[in-house]
Amino acid sequence: MARLLQDPSKLHPSEWYTANKMQCASTESQKSRQRRVGIDLVHDEVEQQLLKEVEVLQGIIALLERTLEQTNEQIRRNRSAKYDLDMDLKDKFTALTIDDYCASLTNDTPHIIYADNAMKLEGNFVSPEDWIDFTNINVEKADKQRNNSLALKALIDGILSQIANDMRKHCEMVNNAFRNRVKEVKDAKHKLETLLAMVMDETASQEKNIAALKKAITDKEAPVKVAQTRLEARNHRPNVELCYDTVHSSLMGEVQEITKNIQRLKDALAQAQTELKGLSRRQLSLEEEIKVKENTLYIDEVLCMQMRESVCINNY
């Protein structure tokens, strides 16, 4: 009977290790995600699933601790029952050895002696009924603890199986949330990069436009100087020769026309330079937003997801 008395199934170290490792991974993921910046520091679906996972894992670890306490107590009771059986068996073996010796004695056996005190019923003598009851109690106690162990083993098997399923379920929910979030961030980053490329193309085009406007203004300087020099020279005609003739009128019109053209070019240049500054600000803003997305991707995809991939939940 002592041989049949077994300890209940102990909690698997792998389950305990996995639960604690998953909780560490969830907690570290939460800490890492606090390093997101700007608009990406949001309480998203990943954050919600991580909070749920931590809550579930805390419950699992508490359940494992309670079950471990129950298991240790059952093991203590098993050892107590086994000890009683071992001691009873040892005593019976000793008694059987003595009775075998007594049965072997004959009148011719050497070293037989007178033992006057043997007739006195001293010591802890028990009745045959008490002797039978003592052994039966030990056997019944052992049977009870053995049955309790088997029941506890079945309970622990069920608990470990459910724990593995729960951990796997919540781990996959968090991983799916991470994958979806990474895809969203990558899509947003791609759109920002596309927009940045367009802004940079517009910037290059505007820079060429500004260079062309500056050249056009420079090209107008020589003609206006020529026209004004001619007017200045003709203003020195003597006496009646200082006539506001067709030539003079044409020169005046030419200077006015060129001056108007130069002013229009300068206005266009100022507008182009203003737009270029706006494009530069937009470029800087887009580059900053892209850096925010890159930081988020590094945290979610590299730090968090790779750390979670190291957690392996085995079937039980």
C-alpha atoms as a PDB file:
ATOM      1  CA  MET A   1       0.000   0.000   0.000  1.00  0.00           C
ATOM      2  CA  ALA A   2       2.835   2.380   0.766  1.00  0.00           C
ATOM      3  CA  ARG A   3       4.159   1.752  -2.735  1.00  0.00           C
ATOM      4  CA  LEU A   4       0.824   2.787  -4.255  1.00  0.00           C
ATOM      5  CA  LEU A   5       0.651   6.034  -2.297  1.00  0.00           C
ATOM      6  CA  GLN A   6       1.838   8.686  -4.791  1.00  0.00           C
ATOM      7  CA  ASP A   7       2.265  12.474  -4.699  1.00  0.00           C
ATOM      8  CA  PRO A   8      -0.178  14.426  -6.821  1.00  0.00           C
ATOM      9  CA  SER A   9       1.060  15.951 -10.062  1.00  0.00           C
ATOM     10  CA  LYS A  10       3.246  18.906  -9.255  1.00  0.00           C
ATOM     11  CA  LEU A  11       2.838  22.196 -11.067  1.00  0.00           C
ATOM     12  CA  HIS A  12       4.963  22.150 -14.179  1.00  0.00           C
ATOM     13  CA  PRO A  13       7.898  24.579 -13.880  1.00  0.00           C
ATOM     14  CA  SER A  14       7.373  25.430 -17.566  1.00  0.00           C
ATOM     15  CA  GLU A  15       3.835  26.695 -16.892  1.00  0.00           C
ATOM     16  CA  TRP A  16       4.996  28.789 -13.963  1.00  0.00           C
ATOM     17  CA  TYR A  17       7.961  30.101 -15.946  1.00  0.00           C
ATOM     18  CA  THR A  18       5.815  30.861 -19.004  1.00  0.00           C
ATOM     19  CA  ALA A  19       3.203  32.764 -16.985  1.00  0.00           C
ATOM     20  CA  ASN A  20       5.856  34.891 -15.288  1.00  0.00           C
ATOM     21  CA  LYS A  21       7.752  35.428 -18.541  1.00  0.00           C
ATOM     22  CA  MET A  22       4.564  36.497 -20.308  1.00  0.00           C
ATOM     23  CA  GLN A  23       3.750  38.915 -17.499  1.00  0.00           C
ATOM     24  CA  CYS A  24       7.266  40.376 -17.738  1.00  0.00           C
ATOM     25  CA  ALA A  25       6.898  40.686 -21.521  1.00  0.00           C
ATOM     26  CA  SER A  26       3.531  42.457 -21.155  1.00  0.00           C
ATOM     27  CA  THR A  27       4.856  44.823 -18.483  1.00  0.00           C
ATOM     28  CA  GLU A  28       8.006  45.592 -20.483  1.00  0.00           C
ATOM     29  CA  SER A  29       5.874  46.194 -23.584  1.00  0.00           C
ATOM     30  CA  GLN A  30       3.799  48.716 -21.659  1.00  0.00           C
ATOM     31  CA  LYS A  31       6.945  50.470 -20.430  1.00  0.00           C
ATOM     32  CA  SER A  32       8.488  50.487 -23.915  1.00  0.00           C
ATOM     33  CA  ARG A  33       5.317  51.896 -25.479  1.00  0.00           C
ATOM     34  CA  GLN A  34       5.435  54.824 -23.054  1.00  0.00           C
ATOM     35  CA  ARG A  35       8.425  55.997 -25.127  1.00  0.00           C
ATOM     36  CA  ARG A  36       6.175  56.669 -28.102  1.00  0.00           C
ATOM     37  CA  VAL A  37       5.975  60.392 -28.841  1.00  0.00           C
ATOM     38  CA  GLY A  38       3.572  62.917 -30.257  1.00  0.00           C
ATOM     39  CA  ILE A  39       0.296  61.770 -31.691  1.00  0.00           C
ATOM     40  CA  ASP A  40       1.395  58.116 -31.520  1.00  0.00           C
ATOM     41  CA  LEU A  41       1.321  58.153 -27.706  1.00  0.00           C
ATOM     42  CA  VAL A  42      -2.273  56.957 -27.792  1.00  0.00           C
ATOM     43  CA  HIS A  43      -4.292  54.461 -25.727  1.00  0.00           C
ATOM     44  CA  ASP A  44      -4.866  52.158 -28.685  1.00  0.00           C
ATOM     45  CA  GLU A  45      -6.139  48.593 -29.066  1.00  0.00           C
ATOM     46  CA  VAL A  46      -2.679  47.190 -28.273  1.00  0.00           C
ATOM     47  CA  GLU A  47      -2.629  49.064 -24.970  1.00  0.00           C
ATOM     48  CA  GLN A  48      -6.081  47.779 -24.062  1.00  0.00           C
ATOM     49  CA  GLN A  49      -5.173  44.174 -24.891  1.00  0.00           C
ATOM     50  CA  LEU A  50      -1.927  44.427 -22.913  1.00  0.00           C
ATOM     51  CA  LEU A  51      -3.862  45.625 -19.849  1.00  0.00           C
ATOM     52  CA  LYS A  52      -6.273  42.691 -20.209  1.00  0.00           C
ATOM     53  CA  GLU A  53      -3.382  40.255 -20.642  1.00  0.00           C
ATOM     54  CA  VAL A  54      -1.608  41.509 -17.521  1.00  0.00           C
ATOM     55  CA  GLU A  55      -4.856  41.165 -15.559  1.00  0.00           C
ATOM     56  CA  VAL A  56      -5.370  37.601 -16.823  1.00  0.00           C
ATOM     57  CA  LEU A  57      -1.756  36.629 -16.093  1.00  0.00           C
ATOM     58  CA  GLN A  58      -1.964  38.018 -12.566  1.00  0.00           C
ATOM     59  CA  GLY A  59      -5.026  35.826 -12.017  1.00  0.00           C
ATOM     60  CA  ILE A  60      -3.218  32.807 -13.485  1.00  0.00           C
ATOM     61  CA  ILE A  61      -0.168  33.303 -11.268  1.00  0.00           C
ATOM     62  CA  ALA A  62      -2.402  33.700  -8.195  1.00  0.00           C
ATOM     63  CA  LEU A  63      -4.228  30.479  -9.155  1.00  0.00           C
ATOM     64  CA  LEU A  64      -0.932  28.649  -9.600  1.00  0.00           C
ATOM     65  CA  GLU A  65       0.231  29.848  -6.193  1.00  0.00           C
ATOM     66  CA  ARG A  66      -2.986  28.656  -4.517  1.00  0.00           C
ATOM     67  CA  THR A  67      -2.807  25.326  -6.336  1.00  0.00           C
ATOM     68  CA  LEU A  68       0.838  24.933  -5.354  1.00  0.00           C
ATOM     69  CA  GLU A  69      -0.063  25.507  -1.713  1.00  0.00           C
ATOM     70  CA  GLN A  70      -2.820  22.902  -2.003  1.00  0.00           C
ATOM     71  CA  THR A  71      -0.391  20.492  -3.666  1.00  0.00           C
ATOM     72  CA  ASN A  72       2.270  20.968  -0.995  1.00  0.00           C
ATOM     73  CA  GLU A  73      -0.316  20.328   1.721  1.00  0.00           C
ATOM     74  CA  GLN A  74      -1.435  17.122  -0.024  1.00  0.00           C
ATOM     75  CA  ILE A  75       2.176  16.022  -0.357  1.00  0.00           C
ATOM     76  CA  ARG A  76       2.627  16.612   3.375  1.00  0.00           C
ATOM     77  CA  ARG A  77      -0.415  14.458   4.128  1.00  0.00           C
ATOM     78  CA  ASN A  78       0.804  11.757   1.756  1.00  0.00           C
ATOM     79  CA  ARG A  79       4.174  11.647   3.459  1.00  0.00           C
ATOM     80  CA  SER A  80       2.469  11.433   6.852  1.00  0.00           C
ATOM     81  CA  ALA A  81       0.330   8.502   5.677  1.00  0.00           C
ATOM     82  CA  LYS A  82       3.335   6.827   4.105  1.00  0.00           C
ATOM     83  CA  TYR A  83       5.339   7.310   7.300  1.00  0.00           C
ATOM     84  CA  ASP A  84       2.601   5.636   9.354  1.00  0.00           C
ATOM     85  CA  LEU A  85       2.479   2.717   6.895  1.00  0.00           C
ATOM     86  CA  ASP A  86       6.260   2.373   6.885  1.00  0.00           C
ATOM     87  CA  MET A  87       6.427   2.368  10.682  1.00  0.00           C
ATOM     88  CA  ASP A  88       3.550  -0.140  10.927  1.00  0.00           C
ATOM     89  CA  LEU A  89       5.192  -2.337   8.303  1.00  0.00           C
ATOM     90  CA  LYS A  90       8.523  -2.103  10.091  1.00  0.00           C
ATOM     91  CA  ASP A  91       6.939  -3.083  13.408  1.00  0.00           C
ATOM     92  CA  LYS A  92       5.099  -5.995  11.787  1.00  0.00           C
ATOM     93  CA  PHE A  93       8.298  -7.200  10.161  1.00  0.00           C
ATOM     94  CA  THR A  94      10.024  -7.081  13.538  1.00  0.00           C
ATOM     95  CA  ALA A  95       7.105  -8.921  15.193  1.00  0.00           C
ATOM     96  CA  LEU A  96       7.052 -11.508  12.394  1.00  0.00           C
ATOM     97  CA  THR A  97      10.785 -12.083  12.835  1.00  0.00           C
ATOM     98  CA  ILE A  98      10.300 -12.591  16.566  1.00  0.00           C
ATOM     99  CA  ASP A  99       7.374 -15.009  16.031  1.00  0.00           C
ATOM    100  CA  ASP A 100       9.377 -16.970  13.444  1.00  0.00           C
ATOM    101  CA  TYR A 101      12.163 -17.250  16.002  1.00  0.00           C
ATOM    102  CA  CYS A 102       9.715 -18.385  18.671  1.00  0.00           C
ATOM    103  CA  ALA A 103       8.188 -20.951  16.299  1.00  0.00           C
ATOM    104  CA  SER A 104      11.617 -22.409  15.641  1.00  0.00           C
ATOM    105  CA  LEU A 105      12.380 -23.039  19.340  1.00  0.00           C
ATOM    106  CA  THR A 106      12.282 -26.642  20.639  1.00  0.00           C
ATOM    107  CA  ASN A 107      13.280 -28.419  23.803  1.00  0.00           C
ATOM    108  CA  ASP A 108      16.635 -29.144  22.249  1.00  0.00           C
ATOM    109  CA  THR A 109      17.331 -25.591  21.174  1.00  0.00           C
ATOM    110  CA  PRO A 110      20.464 -24.317  22.904  1.00  0.00           C
ATOM    111  CA  HIS A 111      20.462 -21.125  24.935  1.00  0.00           C
ATOM    112  CA  ILE A 112      16.834 -21.430  26.039  1.00  0.00           C
ATOM    113  CA  ILE A 113      16.441 -19.852  29.501  1.00  0.00           C
ATOM    114  CA  TYR A 114      14.118 -19.303  32.423  1.00  0.00           C
ATOM    115  CA  ALA A 115      12.397 -15.908  32.185  1.00  0.00           C
ATOM    116  CA  ASP A 116      10.261 -15.369  35.278  1.00  0.00           C
ATOM    117  CA  ASN A 117       9.372 -11.803  34.316  1.00  0.00           C
ATOM    118  CA  ALA A 118       7.964 -12.951  30.966  1.00  0.00           C
ATOM    119  CA  MET A 119       4.735 -13.912  32.683  1.00  0.00           C
ATOM    120  CA  LYS A 120       4.023 -10.338  33.721  1.00  0.00           C
ATOM    121  CA  LEU A 121       1.790  -8.397  31.273  1.00  0.00           C
ATOM    122  CA  GLU A 122       3.689  -5.195  31.495  1.00  0.00           C
ATOM    123  CA  GLY A 123       4.201  -2.580  28.816  1.00  0.00           C
ATOM    124  CA  ASN A 124       1.831  -1.304  26.122  1.00  0.00           C
ATOM    125  CA  PHE A 125      -0.004  -4.506  25.341  1.00  0.00           C
ATOM    126  CA  VAL A 126      -3.014  -4.061  23.066  1.00  0.00           C
ATOM    127  CA  SER A 127      -5.917  -6.332  22.310  1.00  0.00           C
ATOM    128  CA  PRO A 128      -6.145  -8.221  18.991  1.00  0.00           C
ATOM    129  CA  GLU A 129      -9.049  -5.961  18.062  1.00  0.00           C
ATOM    130  CA  ASP A 130      -6.956  -2.825  18.694  1.00  0.00           C
ATOM    131  CA  TRP A 131      -4.104  -4.395  16.724  1.00  0.00           C
ATOM    132  CA  ILE A 132      -6.391  -4.960  13.722  1.00  0.00           C
ATOM    133  CA  ASP A 133      -7.983  -1.491  14.048  1.00  0.00           C
ATOM    134  CA  PHE A 134      -4.576   0.210  14.157  1.00  0.00           C
ATOM    135  CA  THR A 135      -3.514  -1.321  10.848  1.00  0.00           C
ATOM    136  CA  ASN A 136      -6.913  -0.747   9.257  1.00  0.00           C
ATOM    137  CA  ILE A 137      -6.801   2.922  10.244  1.00  0.00           C
ATOM    138  CA  ASN A 138      -3.366   3.312   8.649  1.00  0.00           C
ATOM    139  CA  VAL A 139      -4.528   1.572   5.475  1.00  0.00           C
ATOM    140  CA  GLU A 140      -7.737   3.623   5.302  1.00  0.00           C
ATOM    141  CA  LYS A 141      -5.784   6.827   5.865  1.00  0.00           C
ATOM    142  CA  ALA A 142      -3.380   5.876   3.090  1.00  0.00           C
ATOM    143  CA  ASP A 143      -6.249   4.984   0.749  1.00  0.00           C
ATOM    144  CA  LYS A 144      -7.968   8.277   1.489  1.00  0.00           C
ATOM    145  CA  GLN A 145      -4.844  10.314   0.796  1.00  0.00           C
ATOM    146  CA  ARG A 146      -4.149   8.290  -2.340  1.00  0.00           C
ATOM    147  CA  ASN A 147      -7.654   9.025  -3.634  1.00  0.00           C
ATOM    148  CA  ASN A 148      -7.249  12.675  -2.675  1.00  0.00           C
ATOM    149  CA  SER A 149      -3.969  12.740  -4.599  1.00  0.00           C
ATOM    150  CA  LEU A 150      -5.572  11.258  -7.699  1.00  0.00           C
ATOM    151  CA  ALA A 151      -8.435  13.766  -7.506  1.00  0.00           C
ATOM    152  CA  LEU A 152      -5.992  16.648  -7.020  1.00  0.00           C
ATOM    153  CA  LYS A 153      -3.887  15.393  -9.920  1.00  0.00           C
ATOM    154  CA  ALA A 154      -6.945  15.439 -12.196  1.00  0.00           C
ATOM    155  CA  LEU A 155      -7.812  18.928 -10.937  1.00  0.00           C
ATOM    156  CA  ILE A 156      -4.262  20.183 -11.569  1.00  0.00           C
ATOM    157  CA  ASP A 157      -4.228  18.654 -15.054  1.00  0.00           C
ATOM    158  CA  GLY A 158      -7.450  20.508 -15.835  1.00  0.00           C
ATOM    159  CA  ILE A 159      -6.109  23.757 -14.376  1.00  0.00           C
ATOM    160  CA  LEU A 160      -2.845  23.540 -16.337  1.00  0.00           C
ATOM    161  CA  SER A 161      -4.720  22.758 -19.551  1.00  0.00           C
ATOM    162  CA  GLN A 162      -7.067  25.711 -19.050  1.00  0.00           C
ATOM    163  CA  ILE A 163      -4.175  27.996 -18.114  1.00  0.00           C
ATOM    164  CA  ALA A 164      -2.288  27.049 -21.284  1.00  0.00           C
ATOM    165  CA  ASN A 165      -5.401  27.720 -23.385  1.00  0.00           C
ATOM    166  CA  ASP A 166      -6.051  31.071 -21.675  1.00  0.00           C
ATOM    167  CA  MET A 167      -2.448  32.219 -22.046  1.00  0.00           C
ATOM    168  CA  ARG A 168      -2.365  31.157 -25.697  1.00  0.00           C
ATOM    169  CA  LYS A 169      -5.688  32.892 -26.400  1.00  0.00           C
ATOM    170  CA  HIS A 170      -4.728  36.212 -24.826  1.00  0.00           C
ATOM    171  CA  CYS A 171      -1.207  36.079 -26.254  1.00  0.00           C
ATOM    172  CA  GLU A 172      -2.643  35.700 -29.759  1.00  0.00           C
ATOM    173  CA  MET A 173      -5.111  38.549 -29.147  1.00  0.00           C
ATOM    174  CA  VAL A 174      -2.270  40.859 -28.134  1.00  0.00           C
ATOM    175  CA  ASN A 175      -0.101  39.691 -31.046  1.00  0.00           C
ATOM    176  CA  ASN A 176      -2.949  40.342 -33.498  1.00  0.00           C
ATOM    177  CA  ALA A 177      -3.414  43.816 -32.032  1.00  0.00           C
ATOM    178  CA  PHE A 178       0.323  44.441 -32.461  1.00  0.00           C
ATOM    179  CA  ARG A 179       0.270  43.208 -36.077  1.00  0.00           C
ATOM    180  CA  ASN A 180      -2.730  45.378 -36.927  1.00  0.00           C
ATOM    181  CA  ARG A 181      -1.174  48.424 -35.268  1.00  0.00           C
ATOM    182  CA  VAL A 182       2.158  47.900 -37.030  1.00  0.00           C
ATOM    183  CA  LYS A 183       0.314  47.666 -40.358  1.00  0.00           C
ATOM    184  CA  GLU A 184      -1.580  50.895 -39.598  1.00  0.00           C
ATOM    185  CA  VAL A 185       1.620  52.725 -38.686  1.00  0.00           C
ATOM    186  CA  LYS A 186       3.419  51.407 -41.772  1.00  0.00           C
ATOM    187  CA  ASP A 187       0.537  52.527 -43.994  1.00  0.00           C
ATOM    188  CA  ALA A 188       0.544  55.970 -42.370  1.00  0.00           C
ATOM    189  CA  LYS A 189       4.331  56.183 -42.735  1.00  0.00           C
ATOM    190  CA  HIS A 190       4.081  55.220 -46.422  1.00  0.00           C
ATOM    191  CA  LYS A 191       1.492  57.952 -47.035  1.00  0.00           C
ATOM    192  CA  LEU A 192       3.684  60.495 -45.266  1.00  0.00           C
ATOM    193  CA  GLU A 193       6.708  59.437 -47.328  1.00  0.00           C
ATOM    194  CA  THR A 194       4.669  59.725 -50.535  1.00  0.00           C
ATOM    195  CA  LEU A 195       3.494  63.178 -49.501  1.00  0.00           C
ATOM    196  CA  LEU A 196       7.062  64.144 -48.564  1.00  0.00           C
ATOM    197  CA  ALA A 197       8.285  63.095 -52.014  1.00  0.00           C
ATOM    198  CA  MET A 198       5.590  65.282 -53.592  1.00  0.00           C
ATOM    199  CA  VAL A 199       6.558  68.216 -51.364  1.00  0.00           C
ATOM    200  CA  MET A 200      10.217  67.776 -52.266  1.00  0.00           C
ATOM    201  CA  ASP A 201       9.304  67.684 -55.975  1.00  0.00           C
ATOM    202  CA  GLU A 202       7.276  70.888 -55.535  1.00  0.00           C
ATOM    203  CA  THR A 203      10.189  72.416 -53.641  1.00  0.00           C
ATOM    204  CA  ALA A 204      12.604  71.603 -56.448  1.00  0.00           C
ATOM    205  CA  SER A 205      10.133  72.986 -59.004  1.00  0.00           C
ATOM    206  CA  GLN A 206       9.639  76.153 -56.977  1.00  0.00           C
ATOM    207  CA  GLU A 207      13.382  76.622 -56.599  1.00  0.00           C
ATOM    208  CA  LYS A 208      13.730  76.410 -60.393  1.00  0.00           C
ATOM    209  CA  ASN A 209      10.852  78.880 -60.757  1.00  0.00           C
ATOM    210  CA  ILE A 210      12.535  81.312 -58.354  1.00  0.00           C
ATOM    211  CA  ALA A 211      15.825  81.018 -60.223  1.00  0.00           C
ATOM    212  CA  ALA A 212      14.002  81.700 -63.500  1.00  0.00           C
ATOM    213  CA  LEU A 213      12.210  84.753 -62.013  1.00  0.00           C
ATOM    214  CA  LYS A 214      15.475  86.142 -60.674  1.00  0.00           C
ATOM    215  CA  LYS A 215      17.089  85.693 -64.074  1.00  0.00           C
ATOM    216  CA  ALA A 216      14.128  87.367 -65.799  1.00  0.00           C
ATOM    217  CA  ILE A 217      14.392  90.350 -63.433  1.00  0.00           C
ATOM    218  CA  THR A 218      18.130  90.562 -64.093  1.00  0.00           C
ATOM    219  CA  ASP A 219      17.526  90.366 -67.851  1.00  0.00           C
ATOM    220  CA  LYS A 220      15.139  93.354 -67.620  1.00  0.00           C
ATOM    221  CA  GLU A 221      17.708  95.580 -65.900  1.00  0.00           C
ATOM    222  CA  ALA A 222      19.819  96.258 -69.023  1.00  0.00           C
ATOM    223  CA  PRO A 223      16.883  97.304 -71.280  1.00  0.00           C
ATOM    224  CA  VAL A 224      15.469  99.678 -68.662  1.00  0.00           C
ATOM    225  CA  LYS A 225      18.918 101.177 -68.145  1.00  0.00           C
ATOM    226  CA  VAL A 226      19.288 101.707 -71.896  1.00  0.00           C
ATOM    227  CA  ALA A 227      15.871 103.380 -72.149  1.00  0.00           C
ATOM    228  CA  GLN A 228      16.492 105.588 -69.125  1.00  0.00           C
ATOM    229  CA  THR A 229      19.980 106.533 -70.404  1.00  0.00           C
ATOM    230  CA  ARG A 230      18.435 107.557 -73.733  1.00  0.00           C
ATOM    231  CA  LEU A 231      15.827 109.652 -71.971  1.00  0.00           C
ATOM    232  CA  GLU A 232      18.472 111.268 -69.816  1.00  0.00           C
ATOM    233  CA  ALA A 233      20.583 112.089 -72.864  1.00  0.00           C
ATOM    234  CA  ARG A 234      17.615 113.529 -74.831  1.00  0.00           C
ATOM    235  CA  ASN A 235      16.713 115.729 -71.878  1.00  0.00           C
ATOM    236  CA  HIS A 236      19.874 117.686 -72.688  1.00  0.00           C
ATOM    237  CA  ARG A 237      18.764 118.703 -76.189  1.00  0.00           C
ATOM    238  CA  PRO A 238      19.132 122.512 -76.604  1.00  0.00           C
ATOM    239  CA  ASN A 239      16.370 125.065 -76.891  1.00  0.00           C
ATOM    240  CA  VAL A 240      13.554 124.191 -79.175  1.00  0.00           C
ATOM    241  CA  GLU A 241      15.110 120.786 -79.924  1.00  0.00           C
ATOM    242  CA  LEU A 242      13.905 119.712 -76.474  1.00  0.00           C
ATOM    243  CA  CYS A 243      10.729 118.415 -78.083  1.00  0.00           C
ATOM    244  CA  TYR A 244       8.370 115.768 -76.629  1.00  0.00           C
ATOM    245  CA  ASP A 245       8.349 113.916 -79.903  1.00  0.00           C
ATOM    246  CA  THR A 246       7.348 110.385 -80.857  1.00  0.00           C
ATOM    247  CA  VAL A 247      10.752 109.008 -79.920  1.00  0.00           C
ATOM    248  CA  HIS A 248      10.592 110.530 -76.470  1.00  0.00           C
ATOM    249  CA  SER A 249       7.051 109.296 -75.990  1.00  0.00           C
ATOM    250  CA  SER A 250       8.070 105.792 -77.057  1.00  0.00           C
ATOM    251  CA  LEU A 251      11.014 105.795 -74.678  1.00  0.00           C
ATOM    252  CA  MET A 252       8.765 106.865 -71.802  1.00  0.00           C
ATOM    253  CA  GLY A 253       6.313 104.068 -72.651  1.00  0.00           C
ATOM    254  CA  GLU A 254       9.119 101.541 -72.872  1.00  0.00           C
ATOM    255  CA  VAL A 255      10.495 102.475 -69.432  1.00  0.00           C
ATOM    256  CA  GLN A 256       7.015 102.277 -67.890  1.00  0.00           C
ATOM    257  CA  GLU A 257       6.306  98.930 -69.523  1.00  0.00           C
ATOM    258  CA  ILE A 258       9.621  97.408 -68.457  1.00  0.00           C
ATOM    259  CA  THR A 259       9.206  98.780 -64.932  1.00  0.00           C
ATOM    260  CA  LYS A 260       5.727  97.232 -64.707  1.00  0.00           C
ATOM    261  CA  ASN A 261       7.074  93.899 -65.943  1.00  0.00           C
ATOM    262  CA  ILE A 262       9.892  93.995 -63.399  1.00  0.00           C
ATOM    263  CA  GLN A 263       7.399  94.738 -60.617  1.00  0.00           C
ATOM    264  CA  ARG A 264       5.193  91.842 -61.713  1.00  0.00           C
ATOM    265  CA  LEU A 265       8.240  89.584 -61.723  1.00  0.00           C
ATOM    266  CA  LYS A 266       9.230  90.775 -58.245  1.00  0.00           C
ATOM    267  CA  ASP A 267       5.691  90.147 -56.969  1.00  0.00           C
ATOM    268  CA  ALA A 268       5.769  86.688 -58.481  1.00  0.00           C
ATOM    269  CA  LEU A 269       9.215  86.128 -56.933  1.00  0.00           C
ATOM    270  CA  ALA A 270       7.964  87.184 -53.494  1.00  0.00           C
ATOM    271  CA  GLN A 271       4.970  84.864 -53.829  1.00  0.00           C
ATOM    272  CA  ALA A 272       7.227  81.997 -54.943  1.00  0.00           C
ATOM    273  CA  GLN A 273       9.605  82.586 -52.030  1.00  0.00           C
ATOM    274  CA  THR A 274       6.667  82.596 -49.594  1.00  0.00           C
ATOM    275  CA  GLU A 275       5.416  79.333 -51.053  1.00  0.00           C
ATOM    276  CA  LEU A 276       8.940  77.883 -50.849  1.00  0.00           C
ATOM    277  CA  LYS A 277       9.102  78.735 -47.146  1.00  0.00           C
ATOM    278  CA  GLY A 278       5.743  77.024 -46.670  1.00  0.00           C
ATOM    279  CA  LEU A 279       7.005  73.965 -48.510  1.00  0.00           C
ATOM    280  CA  SER A 280      10.135  73.924 -46.332  1.00  0.00           C
ATOM    281  CA  ARG A 281       8.027  74.061 -43.173  1.00  0.00           C
ATOM    282  CA  ARG A 282       5.783  71.300 -44.528  1.00  0.00           C
ATOM    283  CA  GLN A 283       8.843  69.202 -45.386  1.00  0.00           C
ATOM    284  CA  LEU A 284      10.233  69.581 -41.865  1.00  0.00           C
ATOM    285  CA  SER A 285       6.822  68.714 -40.396  1.00  0.00           C
ATOM    286  CA  LEU A 286       6.508  65.596 -42.567  1.00  0.00           C
ATOM    287  CA  GLU A 287      10.042  64.474 -41.733  1.00  0.00           C
ATOM    288  CA  GLU A 288       9.247  64.859 -38.026  1.00  0.00           C
ATOM    289  CA  GLU A 289       6.022  62.865 -38.415  1.00  0.00           C
ATOM    290  CA  ILE A 290       7.916  60.132 -40.257  1.00  0.00           C
ATOM    291  CA  LYS A 291      10.460  59.991 -37.409  1.00  0.00           C
ATOM    292  CA  VAL A 292       7.559  59.592 -34.972  1.00  0.00           C
ATOM    293  CA  LYS A 293       6.253  56.646 -37.021  1.00  0.00           C
ATOM    294  CA  GLU A 294       9.733  55.104 -37.252  1.00  0.00           C
ATOM    295  CA  ASN A 295      10.092  55.367 -33.473  1.00  0.00           C
ATOM    296  CA  THR A 296       6.683  53.724 -32.985  1.00  0.00           C
ATOM    297  CA  LEU A 297       7.543  50.929 -35.413  1.00  0.00           C
ATOM    298  CA  TYR A 298      10.853  50.295 -33.655  1.00  0.00           C
ATOM    299  CA  ILE A 299       9.098  50.041 -30.297  1.00  0.00           C
ATOM    300  CA  ASP A 300       6.167  47.873 -31.443  1.00  0.00           C
ATOM    301  CA  GLU A 301       7.788  45.715 -34.116  1.00  0.00           C
ATOM    302  CA  VAL A 302      11.368  45.362 -32.874  1.00  0.00           C
ATOM    303  CA  LEU A 303      11.243  45.734 -29.094  1.00  0.00           C
ATOM    304  CA  CYS A 304       7.782  44.416 -28.209  1.00  0.00           C
ATOM    305  CA  MET A 305       6.945  41.847 -30.893  1.00  0.00           C
ATOM    306  CA  GLN A 306      10.391  40.224 -30.951  1.00  0.00           C
ATOM    307  CA  MET A 307      10.353  39.997 -27.154  1.00  0.00           C
ATOM    308  CA  ARG A 308       6.913  38.346 -27.266  1.00  0.00           C
ATOM    309  CA  GLU A 309       8.070  35.878 -29.938  1.00  0.00           C
ATOM    310  CA  SER A 310      10.550  34.474 -27.394  1.00  0.00           C
ATOM    311  CA  VAL A 311       7.615  33.317 -25.220  1.00  0.00           C
ATOM    312  CA  CYS A 312       6.588  29.770 -26.135  1.00  0.00           C
ATOM    313  CA  ILE A 313       3.328  28.361 -24.741  1.00  0.00           C
ATOM    314  CA  ASN A 314       3.337  24.574 -24.917  1.00  0.00           C
ATOM    315  CA  ASN A 315       0.237  22.446 -25.125  1.00  0.00           C
ATOM    316  CA  TYR A 316      -0.580  20.591 -21.945  1.00  0.00           C
END
